[in-house]
Amino acid sequence: MSVVIAEGPMQLGGHEATSNVPDRYQGACKLIDNSEDKVMTVLPNKDEAFSAASYAITPDGGYCSVVVEAARESEITHPGWQE
């Protein structure tokens, strides 16, 4: 079940950041661009991934709707969302 993390204003397209990660999950997370079904980044934890997802759907972030999913620790590409 997807949970909405953030929503952009309808005037800017109404993009959404959603999560498929379980509430108690503590591991690495990947951020996926829904328009291309492409992994954008893999971060060490859910908090970093949620921050990145919320930023990604803003005009400065430049992406449409994104989704956060669980990933393996070996897939981590960045230590934090601002890196």
N, C-alpha and C. Protein backbone atom coordinates (compact mmCIF):
# COMPACT_ATOMS: atom_id res chain seq x y z
N MET A 1 0.83 -1.17 0.00
CA MET A 1 0.00 0.00 0.00
C MET A 1 0.88 1.25 0.00
N SER A 2 0.62 2.16 -0.90
CA SER A 2 1.38 3.40 -0.98
C SER A 2 0.85 4.43 0.01
N VAL A 3 1.78 5.17 0.60
CA VAL A 3 1.45 6.25 1.52
C VAL A 3 2.00 7.53 0.92
N VAL A 4 1.21 8.59 0.90
CA VAL A 4 1.65 9.87 0.36
C VAL A 4 2.58 10.54 1.37
N ILE A 5 3.79 10.90 0.89
CA ILE A 5 4.78 11.60 1.72
C ILE A 5 4.61 13.10 1.55
N ALA A 6 4.44 13.54 0.31
CA ALA A 6 4.32 14.97 0.00
C ALA A 6 3.53 15.14 -1.28
N GLU A 7 2.87 16.27 -1.40
CA GLU A 7 2.11 16.61 -2.60
C GLU A 7 2.46 18.02 -3.04
N GLY A 8 2.62 18.19 -4.35
CA GLY A 8 2.84 19.52 -4.90
C GLY A 8 1.51 20.18 -5.19
N PRO A 9 1.50 21.50 -5.29
CA PRO A 9 0.25 22.21 -5.58
C PRO A 9 -0.28 21.89 -6.97
N MET A 10 -1.58 21.90 -7.10
CA MET A 10 -2.21 21.60 -8.39
C MET A 10 -1.76 22.59 -9.47
N GLN A 11 -1.46 23.82 -9.10
CA GLN A 11 -1.00 24.82 -10.07
C GLN A 11 0.33 24.41 -10.71
N LEU A 12 1.08 23.56 -10.01
CA LEU A 12 2.37 23.09 -10.51
C LEU A 12 2.31 21.64 -10.97
N GLY A 13 1.13 21.12 -11.19
CA GLY A 13 0.98 19.77 -11.71
C GLY A 13 0.51 18.74 -10.71
N GLY A 14 0.48 19.08 -9.43
CA GLY A 14 -0.02 18.16 -8.41
C GLY A 14 0.79 16.89 -8.27
N HIS A 15 2.10 16.96 -8.42
CA HIS A 15 2.95 15.78 -8.31
C HIS A 15 2.94 15.23 -6.89
N GLU A 16 3.18 13.92 -6.77
CA GLU A 16 3.18 13.26 -5.46
C GLU A 16 4.47 12.51 -5.22
N ALA A 17 4.87 12.50 -3.96
CA ALA A 17 5.93 11.62 -3.49
C ALA A 17 5.24 10.58 -2.61
N THR A 18 5.41 9.31 -2.94
CA THR A 18 4.76 8.25 -2.17
C THR A 18 5.80 7.25 -1.66
N SER A 19 5.38 6.43 -0.71
CA SER A 19 6.27 5.42 -0.14
C SER A 19 5.59 4.05 -0.14
N ASN A 20 6.37 3.05 -0.50
CA ASN A 20 5.94 1.65 -0.38
C ASN A 20 6.72 0.94 0.72
N VAL A 21 7.38 1.73 1.59
CA VAL A 21 8.23 1.19 2.64
C VAL A 21 7.39 0.97 3.91
N PRO A 22 7.51 -0.19 4.55
CA PRO A 22 6.76 -0.43 5.79
C PRO A 22 7.13 0.59 6.88
N ASP A 23 6.21 0.90 7.76
CA ASP A 23 6.42 1.90 8.82
C ASP A 23 7.68 1.66 9.64
N ARG A 24 7.93 0.45 10.04
CA ARG A 24 9.05 0.16 10.94
C ARG A 24 10.36 -0.18 10.22
N TYR A 25 10.37 -0.08 8.92
CA TYR A 25 11.58 -0.38 8.15
C TYR A 25 12.68 0.62 8.50
N GLN A 26 13.91 0.14 8.67
CA GLN A 26 15.03 1.00 9.08
C GLN A 26 16.18 1.01 8.09
N GLY A 27 16.13 0.26 7.01
CA GLY A 27 17.25 0.12 6.09
C GLY A 27 17.30 1.14 4.97
N ALA A 28 18.13 0.82 4.01
CA ALA A 28 18.33 1.67 2.82
C ALA A 28 17.04 1.77 2.01
N CYS A 29 16.90 2.91 1.31
CA CYS A 29 15.72 3.15 0.48
C CYS A 29 16.14 3.72 -0.86
N LYS A 30 15.43 3.32 -1.90
CA LYS A 30 15.68 3.89 -3.23
C LYS A 30 14.56 4.82 -3.62
N LEU A 31 14.94 5.85 -4.37
CA LEU A 31 13.99 6.84 -4.87
C LEU A 31 13.84 6.61 -6.36
N ILE A 32 12.60 6.38 -6.79
CA ILE A 32 12.32 6.02 -8.18
C ILE A 32 11.48 7.12 -8.85
N ASP A 33 11.91 7.53 -10.04
CA ASP A 33 11.16 8.48 -10.87
C ASP A 33 10.05 7.70 -11.55
N ASN A 34 8.80 8.00 -11.20
CA ASN A 34 7.66 7.25 -11.77
C ASN A 34 7.52 7.41 -13.27
N SER A 35 7.91 8.57 -13.80
CA SER A 35 7.71 8.80 -15.23
C SER A 35 8.60 7.91 -16.09
N GLU A 36 9.77 7.54 -15.57
CA GLU A 36 10.70 6.70 -16.33
C GLU A 36 10.93 5.35 -15.68
N ASP A 37 10.33 5.11 -14.51
CA ASP A 37 10.54 3.89 -13.74
C ASP A 37 12.04 3.63 -13.57
N LYS A 38 12.75 4.70 -13.19
CA LYS A 38 14.21 4.67 -13.08
C LYS A 38 14.63 5.04 -11.66
N VAL A 39 15.59 4.27 -11.11
CA VAL A 39 16.12 4.59 -9.79
C VAL A 39 16.97 5.85 -9.89
N MET A 40 16.63 6.85 -9.08
CA MET A 40 17.36 8.12 -9.08
C MET A 40 18.53 8.09 -8.12
N THR A 41 18.32 7.53 -6.94
CA THR A 41 19.34 7.46 -5.91
C THR A 41 18.95 6.40 -4.89
N VAL A 42 19.93 5.92 -4.14
CA VAL A 42 19.66 5.01 -3.02
C VAL A 42 20.33 5.62 -1.80
N LEU A 43 19.54 5.81 -0.74
CA LEU A 43 19.99 6.48 0.47
C LEU A 43 20.00 5.52 1.65
N PRO A 44 20.76 5.83 2.71
CA PRO A 44 20.94 4.88 3.81
C PRO A 44 19.74 4.63 4.70
N ASN A 45 18.76 5.53 4.67
CA ASN A 45 17.59 5.32 5.55
C ASN A 45 16.35 6.03 5.02
N LYS A 46 15.25 5.72 5.66
CA LYS A 46 13.95 6.24 5.22
C LYS A 46 13.85 7.75 5.39
N ASP A 47 14.40 8.31 6.46
CA ASP A 47 14.32 9.76 6.67
C ASP A 47 15.00 10.52 5.53
N GLU A 48 16.19 10.08 5.14
CA GLU A 48 16.90 10.72 4.04
C GLU A 48 16.12 10.58 2.73
N ALA A 49 15.56 9.39 2.50
CA ALA A 49 14.81 9.15 1.27
C ALA A 49 13.53 9.99 1.22
N PHE A 50 12.84 10.13 2.35
CA PHE A 50 11.63 10.94 2.39
C PHE A 50 11.95 12.41 2.13
N SER A 51 13.06 12.89 2.67
CA SER A 51 13.48 14.28 2.42
C SER A 51 13.78 14.48 0.94
N ALA A 52 14.50 13.54 0.35
CA ALA A 52 14.84 13.62 -1.07
C ALA A 52 13.58 13.58 -1.93
N ALA A 53 12.64 12.72 -1.58
CA ALA A 53 11.39 12.59 -2.34
C ALA A 53 10.58 13.87 -2.27
N SER A 54 10.50 14.47 -1.09
CA SER A 54 9.74 15.72 -0.92
C SER A 54 10.36 16.84 -1.74
N TYR A 55 11.68 16.90 -1.78
CA TYR A 55 12.37 17.92 -2.58
C TYR A 55 12.23 17.64 -4.08
N ALA A 56 12.31 16.39 -4.47
CA ALA A 56 12.31 16.02 -5.89
C ALA A 56 11.07 16.51 -6.63
N ILE A 57 9.93 16.58 -5.97
CA ILE A 57 8.69 16.97 -6.65
C ILE A 57 8.46 18.48 -6.68
N THR A 58 9.40 19.25 -6.10
CA THR A 58 9.28 20.71 -6.15
C THR A 58 9.83 21.21 -7.48
N PRO A 59 9.53 22.46 -7.83
CA PRO A 59 10.11 23.01 -9.06
C PRO A 59 11.64 22.97 -9.07
N ASP A 60 12.28 23.20 -7.92
CA ASP A 60 13.74 23.13 -7.85
C ASP A 60 14.25 21.70 -8.00
N GLY A 61 13.47 20.73 -7.54
CA GLY A 61 13.86 19.32 -7.66
C GLY A 61 13.76 18.82 -9.09
N GLY A 62 12.75 19.29 -9.81
CA GLY A 62 12.63 19.01 -11.23
C GLY A 62 12.05 17.68 -11.66
N TYR A 63 11.50 16.91 -10.73
CA TYR A 63 10.92 15.62 -11.11
C TYR A 63 9.41 15.65 -10.94
N CYS A 64 8.76 14.73 -11.62
CA CYS A 64 7.32 14.58 -11.44
C CYS A 64 7.09 13.70 -10.22
N SER A 65 6.20 12.80 -10.27
CA SER A 65 5.91 11.94 -9.13
C SER A 65 7.03 10.93 -8.92
N VAL A 66 7.34 10.69 -7.63
CA VAL A 66 8.39 9.75 -7.26
C VAL A 66 7.87 8.80 -6.20
N VAL A 67 8.55 7.66 -6.05
CA VAL A 67 8.18 6.68 -5.04
C VAL A 67 9.43 6.22 -4.31
N VAL A 68 9.28 5.96 -3.01
CA VAL A 68 10.36 5.43 -2.18
C VAL A 68 10.07 3.96 -1.94
N GLU A 69 11.09 3.11 -2.16
CA GLU A 69 10.97 1.68 -1.92
C GLU A 69 12.19 1.18 -1.15
N ALA A 70 12.06 0.06 -0.49
CA ALA A 70 13.17 -0.55 0.25
C ALA A 70 14.27 -0.96 -0.73
N ALA A 71 15.52 -0.90 -0.25
CA ALA A 71 16.67 -1.27 -1.06
C ALA A 71 17.66 -2.04 -0.18
N ARG A 72 18.67 -2.60 -0.82
CA ARG A 72 19.73 -3.29 -0.08
C ARG A 72 20.82 -2.29 0.30
N GLU A 73 21.48 -2.51 1.41
CA GLU A 73 22.57 -1.64 1.86
C GLU A 73 23.65 -1.52 0.79
N SER A 74 23.89 -2.59 0.06
CA SER A 74 24.94 -2.60 -0.96
C SER A 74 24.61 -1.69 -2.15
N GLU A 75 23.36 -1.25 -2.26
CA GLU A 75 22.93 -0.38 -3.36
C GLU A 75 23.09 1.11 -3.06
N ILE A 76 23.44 1.49 -1.84
CA ILE A 76 23.51 2.91 -1.46
C ILE A 76 24.45 3.67 -2.38
N THR A 77 23.94 4.79 -2.92
CA THR A 77 24.73 5.62 -3.83
C THR A 77 25.15 6.94 -3.21
N HIS A 78 24.44 7.40 -2.18
CA HIS A 78 24.72 8.68 -1.54
C HIS A 78 24.51 8.56 -0.03
N PRO A 79 25.36 9.24 0.79
CA PRO A 79 25.21 9.17 2.24
C PRO A 79 24.04 10.02 2.78
N GLY A 80 23.59 10.99 1.99
CA GLY A 80 22.49 11.85 2.41
C GLY A 80 21.83 12.47 1.19
N TRP A 81 20.64 13.02 1.38
CA TRP A 81 19.87 13.52 0.23
C TRP A 81 20.46 14.77 -0.37
N GLN A 82 21.29 15.51 0.35
CA GLN A 82 21.88 16.72 -0.18
C GLN A 82 23.29 16.49 -0.73
N GLU A 83 23.73 15.29 -0.74
CA GLU A 83 25.08 14.96 -1.23
C GLU A 83 25.10 14.81 -2.72
